[in-house]
Amino acid sequence: MSDKKLNFYPSEFKESAVKLAIESDHPIAQTAKDLGINVNTLHTWISKYSKPKEEAMHTSNHHFDEIKQLKKELARVTQERDLLKKAAAYFAKESL
């Protein structure tokens, strides 16, 4: 059997390592060495935990559009509710 030790790294450490590797001016191999991890492990984490900027921008635009649409729908439903309240009050007066 091999004598390799399996290391468990918390997700916070992985995300911090990815952020450091991406934002640092140093090569990824140097960052991995400084952190005491295998360079291939860091590359795996980068592909898993980092989003391409284009995808992040698309997601932002999607959320903005969804919020805009939901605000319009909320305004319409609020108007309908207010109208129904007035109609209910009107018919309640009529039946008395």
PDB file of N, CA and C in Angstrom:
ATOM      1  N   MET A   1       0.834  -1.181   0.000  1.00  0.00           N
ATOM      2  CA  MET A   1       0.000   0.000   0.000  1.00  0.00           C
ATOM      3  C   MET A   1       0.879   1.245   0.000  1.00  0.00           C
ATOM      4  N   SER A   2       0.329   2.346  -0.389  1.00  0.00           N
ATOM      5  CA  SER A   2       1.116   3.571  -0.439  1.00  0.00           C
ATOM      6  C   SER A   2       1.092   4.266   0.912  1.00  0.00           C
ATOM      7  N   ASP A   3       2.125   5.052   1.143  1.00  0.00           N
ATOM      8  CA  ASP A   3       2.235   5.788   2.394  1.00  0.00           C
ATOM      9  C   ASP A   3       1.739   7.219   2.257  1.00  0.00           C
ATOM     10  N   LYS A   4       0.987   7.508   1.193  1.00  0.00           N
ATOM     11  CA  LYS A   4       0.491   8.860   0.975  1.00  0.00           C
ATOM     12  C   LYS A   4      -0.565   9.198   2.018  1.00  0.00           C
ATOM     13  N   LYS A   5      -0.472  10.393   2.533  1.00  0.00           N
ATOM     14  CA  LYS A   5      -1.418  10.871   3.530  1.00  0.00           C
ATOM     15  C   LYS A   5      -2.513  11.665   2.823  1.00  0.00           C
ATOM     16  N   LEU A   6      -3.749  11.329   3.076  1.00  0.00           N
ATOM     17  CA  LEU A   6      -4.867  12.074   2.498  1.00  0.00           C
ATOM     18  C   LEU A   6      -5.165  13.269   3.389  1.00  0.00           C
ATOM     19  N   ASN A   7      -5.168  14.435   2.798  1.00  0.00           N
ATOM     20  CA  ASN A   7      -5.448  15.653   3.552  1.00  0.00           C
ATOM     21  C   ASN A   7      -6.880  16.096   3.296  1.00  0.00           C
ATOM     22  N   PHE A   8      -7.500  16.568   4.352  1.00  0.00           N
ATOM     23  CA  PHE A   8      -8.833  17.142   4.223  1.00  0.00           C
ATOM     24  C   PHE A   8      -8.706  18.642   4.453  1.00  0.00           C
ATOM     25  N   TYR A   9      -9.197  19.404   3.493  1.00  0.00           N
ATOM     26  CA  TYR A   9      -9.147  20.854   3.595  1.00  0.00           C
ATOM     27  C   TYR A   9     -10.574  21.391   3.644  1.00  0.00           C
ATOM     28  N   PRO A  10     -10.861  22.268   4.597  1.00  0.00           N
ATOM     29  CA  PRO A  10     -12.208  22.852   4.661  1.00  0.00           C
ATOM     30  C   PRO A  10     -12.481  23.715   3.431  1.00  0.00           C
ATOM     31  N   SER A  11     -13.742  23.841   3.088  1.00  0.00           N
ATOM     32  CA  SER A  11     -14.107  24.595   1.891  1.00  0.00           C
ATOM     33  C   SER A  11     -13.678  26.061   1.990  1.00  0.00           C
ATOM     34  N   GLU A  12     -13.655  26.628   3.200  1.00  0.00           N
ATOM     35  CA  GLU A  12     -13.215  28.013   3.361  1.00  0.00           C
ATOM     36  C   GLU A  12     -11.750  28.153   2.940  1.00  0.00           C
ATOM     37  N   PHE A  13     -10.936  27.160   3.319  1.00  0.00           N
ATOM     38  CA  PHE A  13      -9.522  27.183   2.936  1.00  0.00           C
ATOM     39  C   PHE A  13      -9.383  27.078   1.425  1.00  0.00           C
ATOM     40  N   LYS A  14     -10.160  26.189   0.826  1.00  0.00           N
ATOM     41  CA  LYS A  14     -10.099  26.003  -0.622  1.00  0.00           C
ATOM     42  C   LYS A  14     -10.461  27.295  -1.349  1.00  0.00           C
ATOM     43  N   GLU A  15     -11.559  27.920  -0.922  1.00  0.00           N
ATOM     44  CA  GLU A  15     -12.005  29.157  -1.561  1.00  0.00           C
ATOM     45  C   GLU A  15     -10.992  30.280  -1.380  1.00  0.00           C
ATOM     46  N   SER A  16     -10.396  30.357  -0.194  1.00  0.00           N
ATOM     47  CA  SER A  16      -9.365  31.375   0.050  1.00  0.00           C
ATOM     48  C   SER A  16      -8.138  31.120  -0.808  1.00  0.00           C
ATOM     49  N   ALA A  17      -7.756  29.859  -0.944  1.00  0.00           N
ATOM     50  CA  ALA A  17      -6.601  29.508  -1.772  1.00  0.00           C
ATOM     51  C   ALA A  17      -6.850  29.877  -3.227  1.00  0.00           C
ATOM     52  N   VAL A  18      -8.060  29.613  -3.708  1.00  0.00           N
ATOM     53  CA  VAL A  18      -8.412  29.947  -5.091  1.00  0.00           C
ATOM     54  C   VAL A  18      -8.365  31.456  -5.290  1.00  0.00           C
ATOM     55  N   LYS A  19      -8.937  32.195  -4.351  1.00  0.00           N
ATOM     56  CA  LYS A  19      -8.937  33.655  -4.452  1.00  0.00           C
ATOM     57  C   LYS A  19      -7.511  34.195  -4.456  1.00  0.00           C
ATOM     58  N   LEU A  20      -6.683  33.653  -3.569  1.00  0.00           N
ATOM     59  CA  LEU A  20      -5.294  34.079  -3.507  1.00  0.00           C
ATOM     60  C   LEU A  20      -4.561  33.759  -4.805  1.00  0.00           C
ATOM     61  N   ALA A  21      -4.783  32.571  -5.343  1.00  0.00           N
ATOM     62  CA  ALA A  21      -4.104  32.159  -6.573  1.00  0.00           C
ATOM     63  C   ALA A  21      -4.517  33.029  -7.754  1.00  0.00           C
ATOM     64  N   ILE A  22      -5.781  33.386  -7.820  1.00  0.00           N
ATOM     65  CA  ILE A  22      -6.278  34.181  -8.949  1.00  0.00           C
ATOM     66  C   ILE A  22      -5.848  35.639  -8.841  1.00  0.00           C
ATOM     67  N   GLU A  23      -5.921  36.188  -7.636  1.00  0.00           N
ATOM     68  CA  GLU A  23      -5.649  37.615  -7.457  1.00  0.00           C
ATOM     69  C   GLU A  23      -4.165  37.928  -7.256  1.00  0.00           C
ATOM     70  N   SER A  24      -3.367  36.920  -6.957  1.00  0.00           N
ATOM     71  CA  SER A  24      -1.948  37.131  -6.695  1.00  0.00           C
ATOM     72  C   SER A  24      -1.172  37.372  -7.987  1.00  0.00           C
ATOM     73  N   ASP A  25      -0.060  38.089  -7.853  1.00  0.00           N
ATOM     74  CA  ASP A  25       0.828  38.305  -8.991  1.00  0.00           C
ATOM     75  C   ASP A  25       1.784  37.129  -9.191  1.00  0.00           C
ATOM     76  N   HIS A  26       1.796  36.224  -8.220  1.00  0.00           N
ATOM     77  CA  HIS A  26       2.690  35.070  -8.275  1.00  0.00           C
ATOM     78  C   HIS A  26       2.076  33.968  -9.133  1.00  0.00           C
ATOM     79  N   PRO A  27       2.920  33.095  -9.688  1.00  0.00           N
ATOM     80  CA  PRO A  27       2.387  31.944 -10.439  1.00  0.00           C
ATOM     81  C   PRO A  27       1.600  31.017  -9.514  1.00  0.00           C
ATOM     82  N   ILE A  28       0.680  30.284 -10.088  1.00  0.00           N
ATOM     83  CA  ILE A  28      -0.151  29.369  -9.307  1.00  0.00           C
ATOM     84  C   ILE A  28       0.714  28.334  -8.605  1.00  0.00           C
ATOM     85  N   ALA A  29       1.760  27.872  -9.274  1.00  0.00           N
ATOM     86  CA  ALA A  29       2.655  26.884  -8.667  1.00  0.00           C
ATOM     87  C   ALA A  29       3.306  27.441  -7.403  1.00  0.00           C
ATOM     88  N   GLN A  30       3.693  28.705  -7.433  1.00  0.00           N
ATOM     89  CA  GLN A  30       4.307  29.326  -6.257  1.00  0.00           C
ATOM     90  C   GLN A  30       3.296  29.472  -5.125  1.00  0.00           C
ATOM     91  N   THR A  31       2.091  29.858  -5.466  1.00  0.00           N
ATOM     92  CA  THR A  31       1.037  29.990  -4.458  1.00  0.00           C
ATOM     93  C   THR A  31       0.762  28.643  -3.806  1.00  0.00           C
ATOM     94  N   ALA A  32       0.689  27.584  -4.616  1.00  0.00           N
ATOM     95  CA  ALA A  32       0.460  26.240  -4.080  1.00  0.00           C
ATOM     96  C   ALA A  32       1.596  25.841  -3.146  1.00  0.00           C
ATOM     97  N   LYS A  33       2.823  26.129  -3.540  1.00  0.00           N
ATOM     98  CA  LYS A  33       3.982  25.786  -2.712  1.00  0.00           C
ATOM     99  C   LYS A  33       3.929  26.548  -1.390  1.00  0.00           C
ATOM    100  N   ASP A  34       3.577  27.849  -1.454  1.00  0.00           N
ATOM    101  CA  ASP A  34       3.482  28.664  -0.241  1.00  0.00           C
ATOM    102  C   ASP A  34       2.414  28.139   0.709  1.00  0.00           C
ATOM    103  N   LEU A  35       1.336  27.607   0.147  1.00  0.00           N
ATOM    104  CA  LEU A  35       0.239  27.087   0.971  1.00  0.00           C
ATOM    105  C   LEU A  35       0.481  25.642   1.422  1.00  0.00           C
ATOM    106  N   GLY A  36       1.489  25.007   0.846  1.00  0.00           N
ATOM    107  CA  GLY A  36       1.801  23.628   1.223  1.00  0.00           C
ATOM    108  C   GLY A  36       0.867  22.606   0.603  1.00  0.00           C
ATOM    109  N   ILE A  37       0.358  22.909  -0.578  1.00  0.00           N
ATOM    110  CA  ILE A  37      -0.523  21.968  -1.265  1.00  0.00           C
ATOM    111  C   ILE A  37       0.046  21.656  -2.644  1.00  0.00           C
ATOM    112  N   ASN A  38      -0.426  20.590  -3.226  1.00  0.00           N
ATOM    113  CA  ASN A  38       0.009  20.181  -4.553  1.00  0.00           C
ATOM    114  C   ASN A  38      -0.557  21.147  -5.586  1.00  0.00           C
ATOM    115  N   VAL A  39       0.264  21.477  -6.584  1.00  0.00           N
ATOM    116  CA  VAL A  39      -0.167  22.417  -7.615  1.00  0.00           C
ATOM    117  C   VAL A  39      -1.375  21.879  -8.384  1.00  0.00           C
ATOM    118  N   ASN A  40      -1.436  20.576  -8.609  1.00  0.00           N
ATOM    119  CA  ASN A  40      -2.581  19.988  -9.313  1.00  0.00           C
ATOM    120  C   ASN A  40      -3.860  20.110  -8.483  1.00  0.00           C
ATOM    121  N   THR A  41      -3.703  19.995  -7.171  1.00  0.00           N
ATOM    122  CA  THR A  41      -4.852  20.163  -6.282  1.00  0.00           C
ATOM    123  C   THR A  41      -5.394  21.582  -6.389  1.00  0.00           C
ATOM    124  N   LEU A  42      -4.478  22.555  -6.399  1.00  0.00           N
ATOM    125  CA  LEU A  42      -4.909  23.956  -6.511  1.00  0.00           C
ATOM    126  C   LEU A  42      -5.586  24.220  -7.851  1.00  0.00           C
ATOM    127  N   HIS A  43      -5.056  23.651  -8.918  1.00  0.00           N
ATOM    128  CA  HIS A  43      -5.699  23.809 -10.232  1.00  0.00           C
ATOM    129  C   HIS A  43      -7.108  23.198 -10.224  1.00  0.00           C
ATOM    130  N   THR A  44      -7.258  22.065  -9.571  1.00  0.00           N
ATOM    131  CA  THR A  44      -8.582  21.432  -9.464  1.00  0.00           C
ATOM    132  C   THR A  44      -9.544  22.341  -8.710  1.00  0.00           C
ATOM    133  N   TRP A  45      -9.073  22.909  -7.619  1.00  0.00           N
ATOM    134  CA  TRP A  45      -9.917  23.815  -6.836  1.00  0.00           C
ATOM    135  C   TRP A  45     -10.286  25.052  -7.643  1.00  0.00           C
ATOM    136  N   ILE A  46      -9.339  25.570  -8.407  1.00  0.00           N
ATOM    137  CA  ILE A  46      -9.613  26.763  -9.217  1.00  0.00           C
ATOM    138  C   ILE A  46     -10.724  26.469 -10.224  1.00  0.00           C
ATOM    139  N   SER A  47     -10.647  25.316 -10.874  1.00  0.00           N
ATOM    140  CA  SER A  47     -11.692  24.996 -11.853  1.00  0.00           C
ATOM    141  C   SER A  47     -13.033  24.743 -11.168  1.00  0.00           C
ATOM    142  N   LYS A  48     -13.006  24.292  -9.928  1.00  0.00           N
ATOM    143  CA  LYS A  48     -14.252  23.987  -9.216  1.00  0.00           C
ATOM    144  C   LYS A  48     -14.857  25.217  -8.544  1.00  0.00           C
ATOM    145  N   TYR A  49     -14.032  26.063  -7.949  1.00  0.00           N
ATOM    146  CA  TYR A  49     -14.543  27.148  -7.106  1.00  0.00           C
ATOM    147  C   TYR A  49     -14.546  28.529  -7.764  1.00  0.00           C
ATOM    148  N   SER A  50     -13.914  28.681  -8.900  1.00  0.00           N
ATOM    149  CA  SER A  50     -13.920  30.012  -9.506  1.00  0.00           C
ATOM    150  C   SER A  50     -14.891  30.036 -10.672  1.00  0.00           C
ATOM    151  N   LYS A  51     -15.552  31.180 -10.805  1.00  0.00           N
ATOM    152  CA  LYS A  51     -16.492  31.372 -11.909  1.00  0.00           C
ATOM    153  C   LYS A  51     -15.824  32.243 -12.951  1.00  0.00           C
ATOM    154  N   PRO A  52     -16.043  31.937 -14.196  1.00  0.00           N
ATOM    155  CA  PRO A  52     -15.561  32.877 -15.216  1.00  0.00           C
ATOM    156  C   PRO A  52     -16.281  34.208 -15.058  1.00  0.00           C
ATOM    157  N   LYS A  53     -15.601  35.292 -15.329  1.00  0.00           N
ATOM    158  CA  LYS A  53     -16.190  36.619 -15.155  1.00  0.00           C
ATOM    159  C   LYS A  53     -17.426  36.809 -16.021  1.00  0.00           C
ATOM    160  N   GLU A  54     -17.412  36.227 -17.210  1.00  0.00           N
ATOM    161  CA  GLU A  54     -18.556  36.343 -18.118  1.00  0.00           C
ATOM    162  C   GLU A  54     -19.790  35.699 -17.503  1.00  0.00           C
ATOM    163  N   GLU A  55     -19.604  34.511 -16.909  1.00  0.00           N
ATOM    164  CA  GLU A  55     -20.726  33.802 -16.298  1.00  0.00           C
ATOM    165  C   GLU A  55     -21.256  34.579 -15.100  1.00  0.00           C
ATOM    166  N   ALA A  56     -20.377  35.145 -14.308  1.00  0.00           N
ATOM    167  CA  ALA A  56     -20.797  35.933 -13.153  1.00  0.00           C
ATOM    168  C   ALA A  56     -21.590  37.152 -13.607  1.00  0.00           C
ATOM    169  N   MET A  57     -21.157  37.792 -14.685  1.00  0.00           N
ATOM    170  CA  MET A  57     -21.853  38.961 -15.215  1.00  0.00           C
ATOM    171  C   MET A  57     -23.231  38.560 -15.720  1.00  0.00           C
ATOM    172  N   HIS A  58     -23.324  37.431 -16.411  1.00  0.00           N
ATOM    173  CA  HIS A  58     -24.597  36.946 -16.928  1.00  0.00           C
ATOM    174  C   HIS A  58     -25.548  36.651 -15.776  1.00  0.00           C
ATOM    175  N   THR A  59     -25.037  36.042 -14.722  1.00  0.00           N
ATOM    176  CA  THR A  59     -25.860  35.733 -13.557  1.00  0.00           C
ATOM    177  C   THR A  59     -26.374  37.014 -12.918  1.00  0.00           C
ATOM    178  N   SER A  60     -25.522  38.029 -12.822  1.00  0.00           N
ATOM    179  CA  SER A  60     -25.930  39.310 -12.258  1.00  0.00           C
ATOM    180  C   SER A  60     -27.058  39.929 -13.072  1.00  0.00           C
ATOM    181  N   ASN A  61     -26.899  39.931 -14.391  1.00  0.00           N
ATOM    182  CA  ASN A  61     -27.931  40.488 -15.258  1.00  0.00           C
ATOM    183  C   ASN A  61     -29.221  39.703 -15.134  1.00  0.00           C
ATOM    184  N   HIS A  62     -29.110  38.393 -15.025  1.00  0.00           N
ATOM    185  CA  HIS A  62     -30.300  37.553 -14.883  1.00  0.00           C
ATOM    186  C   HIS A  62     -31.042  37.901 -13.592  1.00  0.00           C
ATOM    187  N   HIS A  63     -30.303  38.064 -12.492  1.00  0.00           N
ATOM    188  CA  HIS A  63     -30.938  38.413 -11.217  1.00  0.00           C
ATOM    189  C   HIS A  63     -31.571  39.800 -11.293  1.00  0.00           C
ATOM    190  N   PHE A  64     -30.902  40.746 -11.934  1.00  0.00           N
ATOM    191  CA  PHE A  64     -31.451  42.088 -12.072  1.00  0.00           C
ATOM    192  C   PHE A  64     -32.763  42.060 -12.843  1.00  0.00           C
ATOM    193  N   ASP A  65     -32.779  41.318 -13.964  1.00  0.00           N
ATOM    194  CA  ASP A  65     -33.997  41.211 -14.764  1.00  0.00           C
ATOM    195  C   ASP A  65     -35.117  40.541 -13.984  1.00  0.00           C
ATOM    196  N   GLU A  66     -34.764  39.514 -13.216  1.00  0.00           N
ATOM    197  CA  GLU A  66     -35.777  38.803 -12.429  1.00  0.00           C
ATOM    198  C   GLU A  66     -36.353  39.721 -11.350  1.00  0.00           C
ATOM    199  N   ILE A  67     -35.516  40.487 -10.685  1.00  0.00           N
ATOM    200  CA  ILE A  67     -35.980  41.421  -9.656  1.00  0.00           C
ATOM    201  C   ILE A  67     -36.897  42.469 -10.272  1.00  0.00           C
ATOM    202  N   LYS A  68     -36.512  42.985 -11.422  1.00  0.00           N
ATOM    203  CA  LYS A  68     -37.326  43.988 -12.123  1.00  0.00           C
ATOM    204  C   LYS A  68     -38.710  43.426 -12.450  1.00  0.00           C
ATOM    205  N   GLN A  69     -38.733  42.198 -12.962  1.00  0.00           N
ATOM    206  CA  GLN A  69     -40.001  41.554 -13.329  1.00  0.00           C
ATOM    207  C   GLN A  69     -40.851  41.306 -12.086  1.00  0.00           C
ATOM    208  N   LEU A  70     -40.224  40.867 -10.987  1.00  0.00           N
ATOM    209  CA  LEU A  70     -40.965  40.599  -9.755  1.00  0.00           C
ATOM    210  C   LEU A  70     -41.524  41.880  -9.142  1.00  0.00           C
ATOM    211  N   LYS A  71     -40.803  42.990  -9.256  1.00  0.00           N
ATOM    212  CA  LYS A  71     -41.314  44.264  -8.752  1.00  0.00           C
ATOM    213  C   LYS A  71     -42.556  44.697  -9.524  1.00  0.00           C
ATOM    214  N   LYS A  72     -42.540  44.509 -10.852  1.00  0.00           N
ATOM    215  CA  LYS A  72     -43.717  44.838 -11.668  1.00  0.00           C
ATOM    216  C   LYS A  72     -44.901  43.983 -11.260  1.00  0.00           C
ATOM    217  N   GLU A  73     -44.640  42.686 -11.074  1.00  0.00           N
ATOM    218  CA  GLU A  73     -45.719  41.772 -10.692  1.00  0.00           C
ATOM    219  C   GLU A  73     -46.262  42.130  -9.319  1.00  0.00           C
ATOM    220  N   LEU A  74     -45.395  42.496  -8.383  1.00  0.00           N
ATOM    221  CA  LEU A  74     -45.830  42.897  -7.053  1.00  0.00           C
ATOM    222  C   LEU A  74     -46.720  44.131  -7.118  1.00  0.00           C
ATOM    223  N   ALA A  75     -46.352  45.102  -7.929  1.00  0.00           N
ATOM    224  CA  ALA A  75     -47.157  46.319  -8.069  1.00  0.00           C
ATOM    225  C   ALA A  75     -48.542  45.981  -8.636  1.00  0.00           C
ATOM    226  N   ARG A  76     -48.589  45.082  -9.635  1.00  0.00           N
ATOM    227  CA  ARG A  76     -49.864  44.696 -10.234  1.00  0.00           C
ATOM    228  C   ARG A  76     -50.746  43.970  -9.214  1.00  0.00           C
ATOM    229  N   VAL A  77     -50.162  43.057  -8.466  1.00  0.00           N
ATOM    230  CA  VAL A  77     -50.931  42.288  -7.479  1.00  0.00           C
ATOM    231  C   VAL A  77     -51.414  43.193  -6.349  1.00  0.00           C
ATOM    232  N   THR A  78     -50.595  44.167  -5.961  1.00  0.00           N
ATOM    233  CA  THR A  78     -51.004  45.117  -4.922  1.00  0.00           C
ATOM    234  C   THR A  78     -52.196  45.945  -5.393  1.00  0.00           C
ATOM    235  N   GLN A  79     -52.171  46.383  -6.643  1.00  0.00           N
ATOM    236  CA  GLN A  79     -53.305  47.138  -7.194  1.00  0.00           C
ATOM    237  C   GLN A  79     -54.568  46.274  -7.215  1.00  0.00           C
ATOM    238  N   GLU A  80     -54.432  45.026  -7.628  1.00  0.00           N
ATOM    239  CA  GLU A  80     -55.586  44.128  -7.662  1.00  0.00           C
ATOM    240  C   GLU A  80     -56.150  43.931  -6.264  1.00  0.00           C
ATOM    241  N   ARG A  81     -55.275  43.744  -5.273  1.00  0.00           N
ATOM    242  CA  ARG A  81     -55.721  43.565  -3.899  1.00  0.00           C
ATOM    243  C   ARG A  81     -56.474  44.790  -3.401  1.00  0.00           C
ATOM    244  N   ASP A  82     -55.931  45.983  -3.673  1.00  0.00           N
ATOM    245  CA  ASP A  82     -56.577  47.214  -3.226  1.00  0.00           C
ATOM    246  C   ASP A  82     -57.947  47.383  -3.888  1.00  0.00           C
ATOM    247  N   LEU A  83     -58.023  47.038  -5.161  1.00  0.00           N
ATOM    248  CA  LEU A  83     -59.293  47.118  -5.878  1.00  0.00           C
ATOM    249  C   LEU A  83     -60.313  46.152  -5.272  1.00  0.00           C
ATOM    250  N   LEU A  84     -59.890  44.941  -4.963  1.00  0.00           N
ATOM    251  CA  LEU A  84     -60.799  43.963  -4.360  1.00  0.00           C
ATOM    252  C   LEU A  84     -61.252  44.398  -2.969  1.00  0.00           C
ATOM    253  N   LYS A  85     -60.368  45.038  -2.204  1.00  0.00           N
ATOM    254  CA  LYS A  85     -60.747  45.546  -0.888  1.00  0.00           C
ATOM    255  C   LYS A  85     -61.859  46.594  -1.025  1.00  0.00           C
ATOM    256  N   LYS A  86     -61.682  47.509  -1.998  1.00  0.00           N
ATOM    257  CA  LYS A  86     -62.675  48.556  -2.218  1.00  0.00           C
ATOM    258  C   LYS A  86     -63.998  47.959  -2.671  1.00  0.00           C
ATOM    259  N   ALA A  87     -63.934  46.973  -3.560  1.00  0.00           N
ATOM    260  CA  ALA A  87     -65.158  46.327  -4.031  1.00  0.00           C
ATOM    261  C   ALA A  87     -65.863  45.608  -2.891  1.00  0.00           C
ATOM    262  N   ALA A  88     -65.101  44.932  -2.046  1.00  0.00           N
ATOM    263  CA  ALA A  88     -65.694  44.231  -0.916  1.00  0.00           C
ATOM    264  C   ALA A  88     -66.361  45.226   0.034  1.00  0.00           C
ATOM    265  N   ALA A  89     -65.720  46.366   0.284  1.00  0.00           N
ATOM    266  CA  ALA A  89     -66.292  47.386   1.161  1.00  0.00           C
ATOM    267  C   ALA A  89     -67.565  47.968   0.535  1.00  0.00           C
ATOM    268  N   TYR A  90     -67.536  48.179  -0.770  1.00  0.00           N
ATOM    269  CA  TYR A  90     -68.695  48.712  -1.468  1.00  0.00           C
ATOM    270  C   TYR A  90     -69.891  47.753  -1.345  1.00  0.00           C
ATOM    271  N   PHE A  91     -69.657  46.474  -1.633  1.00  0.00           N
ATOM    272  CA  PHE A  91     -70.747  45.505  -1.560  1.00  0.00           C
ATOM    273  C   PHE A  91     -71.210  45.245  -0.130  1.00  0.00           C
ATOM    274  N   ALA A  92     -70.339  45.433   0.824  1.00  0.00           N
ATOM    275  CA  ALA A  92     -70.743  45.275   2.225  1.00  0.00           C
ATOM    276  C   ALA A  92     -71.706  46.401   2.611  1.00  0.00           C
ATOM    277  N   LYS A  93     -71.466  47.600   2.116  1.00  0.00           N
ATOM    278  CA  LYS A  93     -72.364  48.719   2.378  1.00  0.00           C
ATOM    279  C   LYS A  93     -73.713  48.501   1.713  1.00  0.00           C
ATOM    280  N   GLU A  94     -73.705  47.947   0.520  1.00  0.00           N
ATOM    281  CA  GLU A  94     -74.937  47.711  -0.247  1.00  0.00           C
ATOM    282  C   GLU A  94     -75.840  46.691   0.446  1.00  0.00           C
ATOM    283  N   SER A  95     -75.222  45.698   1.089  1.00  0.00           N
ATOM    284  CA  SER A  95     -76.049  44.648   1.702  1.00  0.00           C
ATOM    285  C   SER A  95     -76.622  45.048   3.034  1.00  0.00           C
ATOM    286  N   LEU A  96     -76.170  46.145   3.621  1.00  0.00           N
ATOM    287  CA  LEU A  96     -76.695  46.575   4.916  1.00  0.00           C
ATOM    288  C   LEU A  96     -77.978  47.259   4.769  1.00  0.00           C
TER     289      LEU A  96
END
